Amino acid sequence: MFTTRGAKILDGTPHYLVIEEMGDIDSIEHFEEIVNAMTEYSMKKDIPSTSIILNEKEAGNIRYTTLLEKLGYQNTETQFFYQRDLLSLDNLKMKTPFRVKSLEETTREVFIKAWAEASVGSLNASTPFSTLSAENEF
């Protein structure tokens, strides 16, 4: 499995590899080293899709974005995240109550069905590897 110091990596081998958080980067050379290592790993494992998700600070670093473009990566989307504390709502009305369960308390089939229903219409429904079935993705 591909790893790097402090990074959050989604290893969907053999279908995809995504770095969601780059982790501790101390220089442009270190950033380039991580990207090159990811590329080499993906080629060695014959992984067809690799993605790097930059946070706002990293995306604002022209040296990082220029390097990624030089290496053939393309900026495919911009995301904005908004959050609201639902516990602060006085009159939260739900159609039906729900209960949170850990994966150990449910089956793979129930999880995949819930994930598919929850992702309809969301950015997660149109990821770079959306051609995969939910079973292959997770």
C-alpha atoms as a PDB file:
ATOM      1  CA  MET A   1       0.000   0.000   0.000  1.00  0.00           C
ATOM      2  CA  PHE A   2       1.170   3.538  -0.781  1.00  0.00           C
ATOM      3  CA  THR A   3       1.845   5.683   2.313  1.00  0.00           C
ATOM      4  CA  THR A   4       3.472   8.992   3.131  1.00  0.00           C
ATOM      5  CA  ARG A   5       3.999  10.933   6.376  1.00  0.00           C
ATOM      6  CA  GLY A   6       0.710  12.346   7.707  1.00  0.00           C
ATOM      7  CA  ALA A   7      -1.268  11.878   4.480  1.00  0.00           C
ATOM      8  CA  LYS A   8      -4.826  10.588   4.220  1.00  0.00           C
ATOM      9  CA  ILE A   9      -4.871   8.071   1.376  1.00  0.00           C
ATOM     10  CA  LEU A  10      -7.761   6.191  -0.187  1.00  0.00           C
ATOM     11  CA  ASP A  11      -6.237   3.077  -1.738  1.00  0.00           C
ATOM     12  CA  GLY A  12      -8.830   1.597  -4.077  1.00  0.00           C
ATOM     13  CA  THR A  13      -6.335  -0.712  -5.754  1.00  0.00           C
ATOM     14  CA  PRO A  14      -6.658  -1.900  -8.469  1.00  0.00           C
ATOM     15  CA  HIS A  15      -9.096   0.831  -9.543  1.00  0.00           C
ATOM     16  CA  TYR A  16      -7.890   4.124  -8.035  1.00  0.00           C
ATOM     17  CA  LEU A  17      -5.585   5.895  -5.607  1.00  0.00           C
ATOM     18  CA  VAL A  18      -6.466   9.231  -3.983  1.00  0.00           C
ATOM     19  CA  ILE A  19      -4.494  11.458  -1.631  1.00  0.00           C
ATOM     20  CA  GLU A  20      -7.158  13.457   0.213  1.00  0.00           C
ATOM     21  CA  GLU A  21      -4.761  15.224   2.556  1.00  0.00           C
ATOM     22  CA  MET A  22      -1.091  15.656   1.714  1.00  0.00           C
ATOM     23  CA  GLY A  23       0.027  15.604   5.337  1.00  0.00           C
ATOM     24  CA  ASP A  24       3.260  17.212   6.515  1.00  0.00           C
ATOM     25  CA  ILE A  25       4.959  18.894   3.543  1.00  0.00           C
ATOM     26  CA  ASP A  26       8.065  20.918   4.264  1.00  0.00           C
ATOM     27  CA  SER A  27       9.096  22.020   0.748  1.00  0.00           C
ATOM     28  CA  ILE A  28       8.184  21.961  -2.944  1.00  0.00           C
ATOM     29  CA  GLU A  29      10.803  19.226  -3.344  1.00  0.00           C
ATOM     30  CA  HIS A  30       9.030  17.134  -0.706  1.00  0.00           C
ATOM     31  CA  PHE A  31       5.683  17.719  -2.455  1.00  0.00           C
ATOM     32  CA  GLU A  32       7.232  16.615  -5.769  1.00  0.00           C
ATOM     33  CA  GLU A  33       8.724  13.544  -4.080  1.00  0.00           C
ATOM     34  CA  ILE A  34       5.271  12.499  -2.801  1.00  0.00           C
ATOM     35  CA  VAL A  35       3.617  13.013  -6.195  1.00  0.00           C
ATOM     36  CA  ASN A  36       6.391  11.097  -7.985  1.00  0.00           C
ATOM     37  CA  ALA A  37       6.206   8.235  -5.467  1.00  0.00           C
ATOM     38  CA  MET A  38       2.431   8.080  -5.955  1.00  0.00           C
ATOM     39  CA  THR A  39       2.870   8.013  -9.735  1.00  0.00           C
ATOM     40  CA  GLU A  40       5.489   5.252  -9.551  1.00  0.00           C
ATOM     41  CA  TYR A  41       3.314   3.188  -7.187  1.00  0.00           C
ATOM     42  CA  SER A  42       0.284   3.618  -9.466  1.00  0.00           C
ATOM     43  CA  MET A  43       2.252   2.569 -12.531  1.00  0.00           C
ATOM     44  CA  LYS A  44       3.762  -0.438 -10.723  1.00  0.00           C
ATOM     45  CA  LYS A  45       0.309  -1.568  -9.551  1.00  0.00           C
ATOM     46  CA  ASP A  46      -1.312  -0.673 -12.914  1.00  0.00           C
ATOM     47  CA  ILE A  47      -3.813   1.674 -11.217  1.00  0.00           C
ATOM     48  CA  PRO A  48      -5.686   3.617 -13.934  1.00  0.00           C
ATOM     49  CA  SER A  49      -6.881   6.621 -11.886  1.00  0.00           C
ATOM     50  CA  THR A  50      -4.922   8.770  -9.444  1.00  0.00           C
ATOM     51  CA  SER A  51      -6.171  11.941  -7.781  1.00  0.00           C
ATOM     52  CA  ILE A  52      -4.697  14.507  -5.420  1.00  0.00           C
ATOM     53  CA  ILE A  53      -7.026  16.698  -3.389  1.00  0.00           C
ATOM     54  CA  LEU A  54      -5.429  19.896  -2.147  1.00  0.00           C
ATOM     55  CA  ASN A  55      -6.679  21.918   0.797  1.00  0.00           C
ATOM     56  CA  GLU A  56      -7.237  25.667   0.390  1.00  0.00           C
ATOM     57  CA  LYS A  57      -3.699  26.584   1.451  1.00  0.00           C
ATOM     58  CA  GLU A  58      -2.082  23.999  -0.842  1.00  0.00           C
ATOM     59  CA  ALA A  59      -4.332  24.946  -3.773  1.00  0.00           C
ATOM     60  CA  GLY A  60      -3.233  28.549  -3.303  1.00  0.00           C
ATOM     61  CA  ASN A  61       0.430  27.558  -3.654  1.00  0.00           C
ATOM     62  CA  ILE A  62       1.188  28.236  -7.325  1.00  0.00           C
ATOM     63  CA  ARG A  63       4.302  26.056  -7.133  1.00  0.00           C
ATOM     64  CA  TYR A  64       2.183  23.014  -6.191  1.00  0.00           C
ATOM     65  CA  THR A  65      -0.474  23.590  -8.841  1.00  0.00           C
ATOM     66  CA  THR A  66       2.127  24.340 -11.535  1.00  0.00           C
ATOM     67  CA  LEU A  67       3.979  21.137 -10.678  1.00  0.00           C
ATOM     68  CA  LEU A  68       0.795  19.071 -10.820  1.00  0.00           C
ATOM     69  CA  GLU A  69      -0.099  20.525 -14.230  1.00  0.00           C
ATOM     70  CA  LYS A  70       3.462  19.883 -15.459  1.00  0.00           C
ATOM     71  CA  LEU A  71       3.084  16.240 -14.392  1.00  0.00           C
ATOM     72  CA  GLY A  72      -0.194  15.912 -16.317  1.00  0.00           C
ATOM     73  CA  TYR A  73      -2.707  16.378 -13.502  1.00  0.00           C
ATOM     74  CA  GLN A  74      -5.784  18.469 -14.299  1.00  0.00           C
ATOM     75  CA  ASN A  75      -7.933  20.517 -11.932  1.00  0.00           C
ATOM     76  CA  THR A  76     -11.313  18.819 -12.310  1.00  0.00           C
ATOM     77  CA  GLU A  77     -13.434  20.582  -9.716  1.00  0.00           C
ATOM     78  CA  THR A  78     -13.653  23.104  -6.926  1.00  0.00           C
ATOM     79  CA  GLN A  79     -15.535  22.232  -3.769  1.00  0.00           C
ATOM     80  CA  PHE A  80     -16.975  24.417  -1.033  1.00  0.00           C
ATOM     81  CA  PHE A  81     -18.016  22.839   2.253  1.00  0.00           C
ATOM     82  CA  TYR A  82     -20.706  24.324   4.476  1.00  0.00           C
ATOM     83  CA  GLN A  83     -21.579  22.962   7.887  1.00  0.00           C
ATOM     84  CA  ARG A  84     -24.475  23.442  10.304  1.00  0.00           C
ATOM     85  CA  ASP A  85     -24.841  22.095  13.800  1.00  0.00           C
ATOM     86  CA  LEU A  86     -28.117  20.149  13.624  1.00  0.00           C
ATOM     87  CA  LEU A  87     -28.269  19.856  17.400  1.00  0.00           C
ATOM     88  CA  SER A  88     -28.909  23.591  17.574  1.00  0.00           C
ATOM     89  CA  LEU A  89     -32.204  23.246  15.704  1.00  0.00           C
ATOM     90  CA  ASP A  90     -35.181  23.584  18.022  1.00  0.00           C
ATOM     91  CA  ASN A  91     -37.766  21.728  15.977  1.00  0.00           C
ATOM     92  CA  LEU A  92     -35.965  19.112  13.947  1.00  0.00           C
ATOM     93  CA  LYS A  93     -38.683  17.062  12.286  1.00  0.00           C
ATOM     94  CA  MET A  94     -37.754  13.803  10.611  1.00  0.00           C
ATOM     95  CA  LYS A  95     -39.934  11.505   8.557  1.00  0.00           C
ATOM     96  CA  THR A  96     -38.591   8.529  10.463  1.00  0.00           C
ATOM     97  CA  PRO A  97     -36.114   8.291  13.303  1.00  0.00           C
ATOM     98  CA  PHE A  98     -32.699   6.848  12.558  1.00  0.00           C
ATOM     99  CA  ARG A  99     -30.030   5.061  14.515  1.00  0.00           C
ATOM    100  CA  VAL A 100     -26.301   5.195  13.866  1.00  0.00           C
ATOM    101  CA  LYS A 101     -24.609   1.802  13.696  1.00  0.00           C
ATOM    102  CA  SER A 102     -20.992   0.830  13.324  1.00  0.00           C
ATOM    103  CA  LEU A 103     -20.022  -1.329  10.357  1.00  0.00           C
ATOM    104  CA  GLU A 104     -19.608  -4.251  12.724  1.00  0.00           C
ATOM    105  CA  GLU A 105     -23.323  -4.030  13.586  1.00  0.00           C
ATOM    106  CA  THR A 106     -24.599  -4.246  10.021  1.00  0.00           C
ATOM    107  CA  THR A 107     -23.976  -6.120   6.791  1.00  0.00           C
ATOM    108  CA  ARG A 108     -21.951  -5.072   3.785  1.00  0.00           C
ATOM    109  CA  GLU A 109     -25.121  -5.048   1.684  1.00  0.00           C
ATOM    110  CA  VAL A 110     -26.958  -2.695   4.062  1.00  0.00           C
ATOM    111  CA  PHE A 111     -23.969  -0.344   4.146  1.00  0.00           C
ATOM    112  CA  ILE A 112     -23.635  -0.233   0.342  1.00  0.00           C
ATOM    113  CA  LYS A 113     -27.383   0.381  -0.083  1.00  0.00           C
ATOM    114  CA  ALA A 114     -27.320   3.194   2.511  1.00  0.00           C
ATOM    115  CA  TRP A 115     -24.196   4.738   0.942  1.00  0.00           C
ATOM    116  CA  ALA A 116     -25.736   4.659  -2.549  1.00  0.00           C
ATOM    117  CA  GLU A 117     -28.989   6.255  -1.345  1.00  0.00           C
ATOM    118  CA  ALA A 118     -27.180   8.913   0.698  1.00  0.00           C
ATOM    119  CA  SER A 119     -24.862   9.912  -2.148  1.00  0.00           C
ATOM    120  CA  VAL A 120     -27.582  10.520  -4.739  1.00  0.00           C
ATOM    121  CA  GLY A 121     -27.246  14.110  -5.928  1.00  0.00           C
ATOM    122  CA  SER A 122     -24.069  14.755  -3.917  1.00  0.00           C
ATOM    123  CA  LEU A 123     -20.507  15.401  -5.048  1.00  0.00           C
ATOM    124  CA  ASN A 124     -19.709  11.862  -3.907  1.00  0.00           C
ATOM    125  CA  ALA A 125     -21.982  10.541  -6.635  1.00  0.00           C
ATOM    126  CA  SER A 126     -19.716  12.042  -9.322  1.00  0.00           C
ATOM    127  CA  THR A 127     -16.160  11.270  -8.275  1.00  0.00           C
ATOM    128  CA  PRO A 128     -13.334  10.620 -10.732  1.00  0.00           C
ATOM    129  CA  PHE A 129     -13.854   6.900 -10.186  1.00  0.00           C
ATOM    130  CA  SER A 130     -17.676   6.938 -10.406  1.00  0.00           C
ATOM    131  CA  THR A 131     -17.603   4.287 -13.129  1.00  0.00           C
ATOM    132  CA  LEU A 132     -16.983   1.790 -10.346  1.00  0.00           C
ATOM    133  CA  SER A 133     -19.803   0.085  -8.581  1.00  0.00           C
ATOM    134  CA  ALA A 134     -20.285   0.881  -4.908  1.00  0.00           C
ATOM    135  CA  GLU A 135     -18.970  -2.617  -4.139  1.00  0.00           C
ATOM    136  CA  ASN A 136     -15.672  -1.938  -5.939  1.00  0.00           C
ATOM    137  CA  GLU A 137     -15.340   1.595  -4.601  1.00  0.00           C
ATOM    138  CA  PHE A 138     -15.791   0.564  -0.970  1.00  0.00           C
END
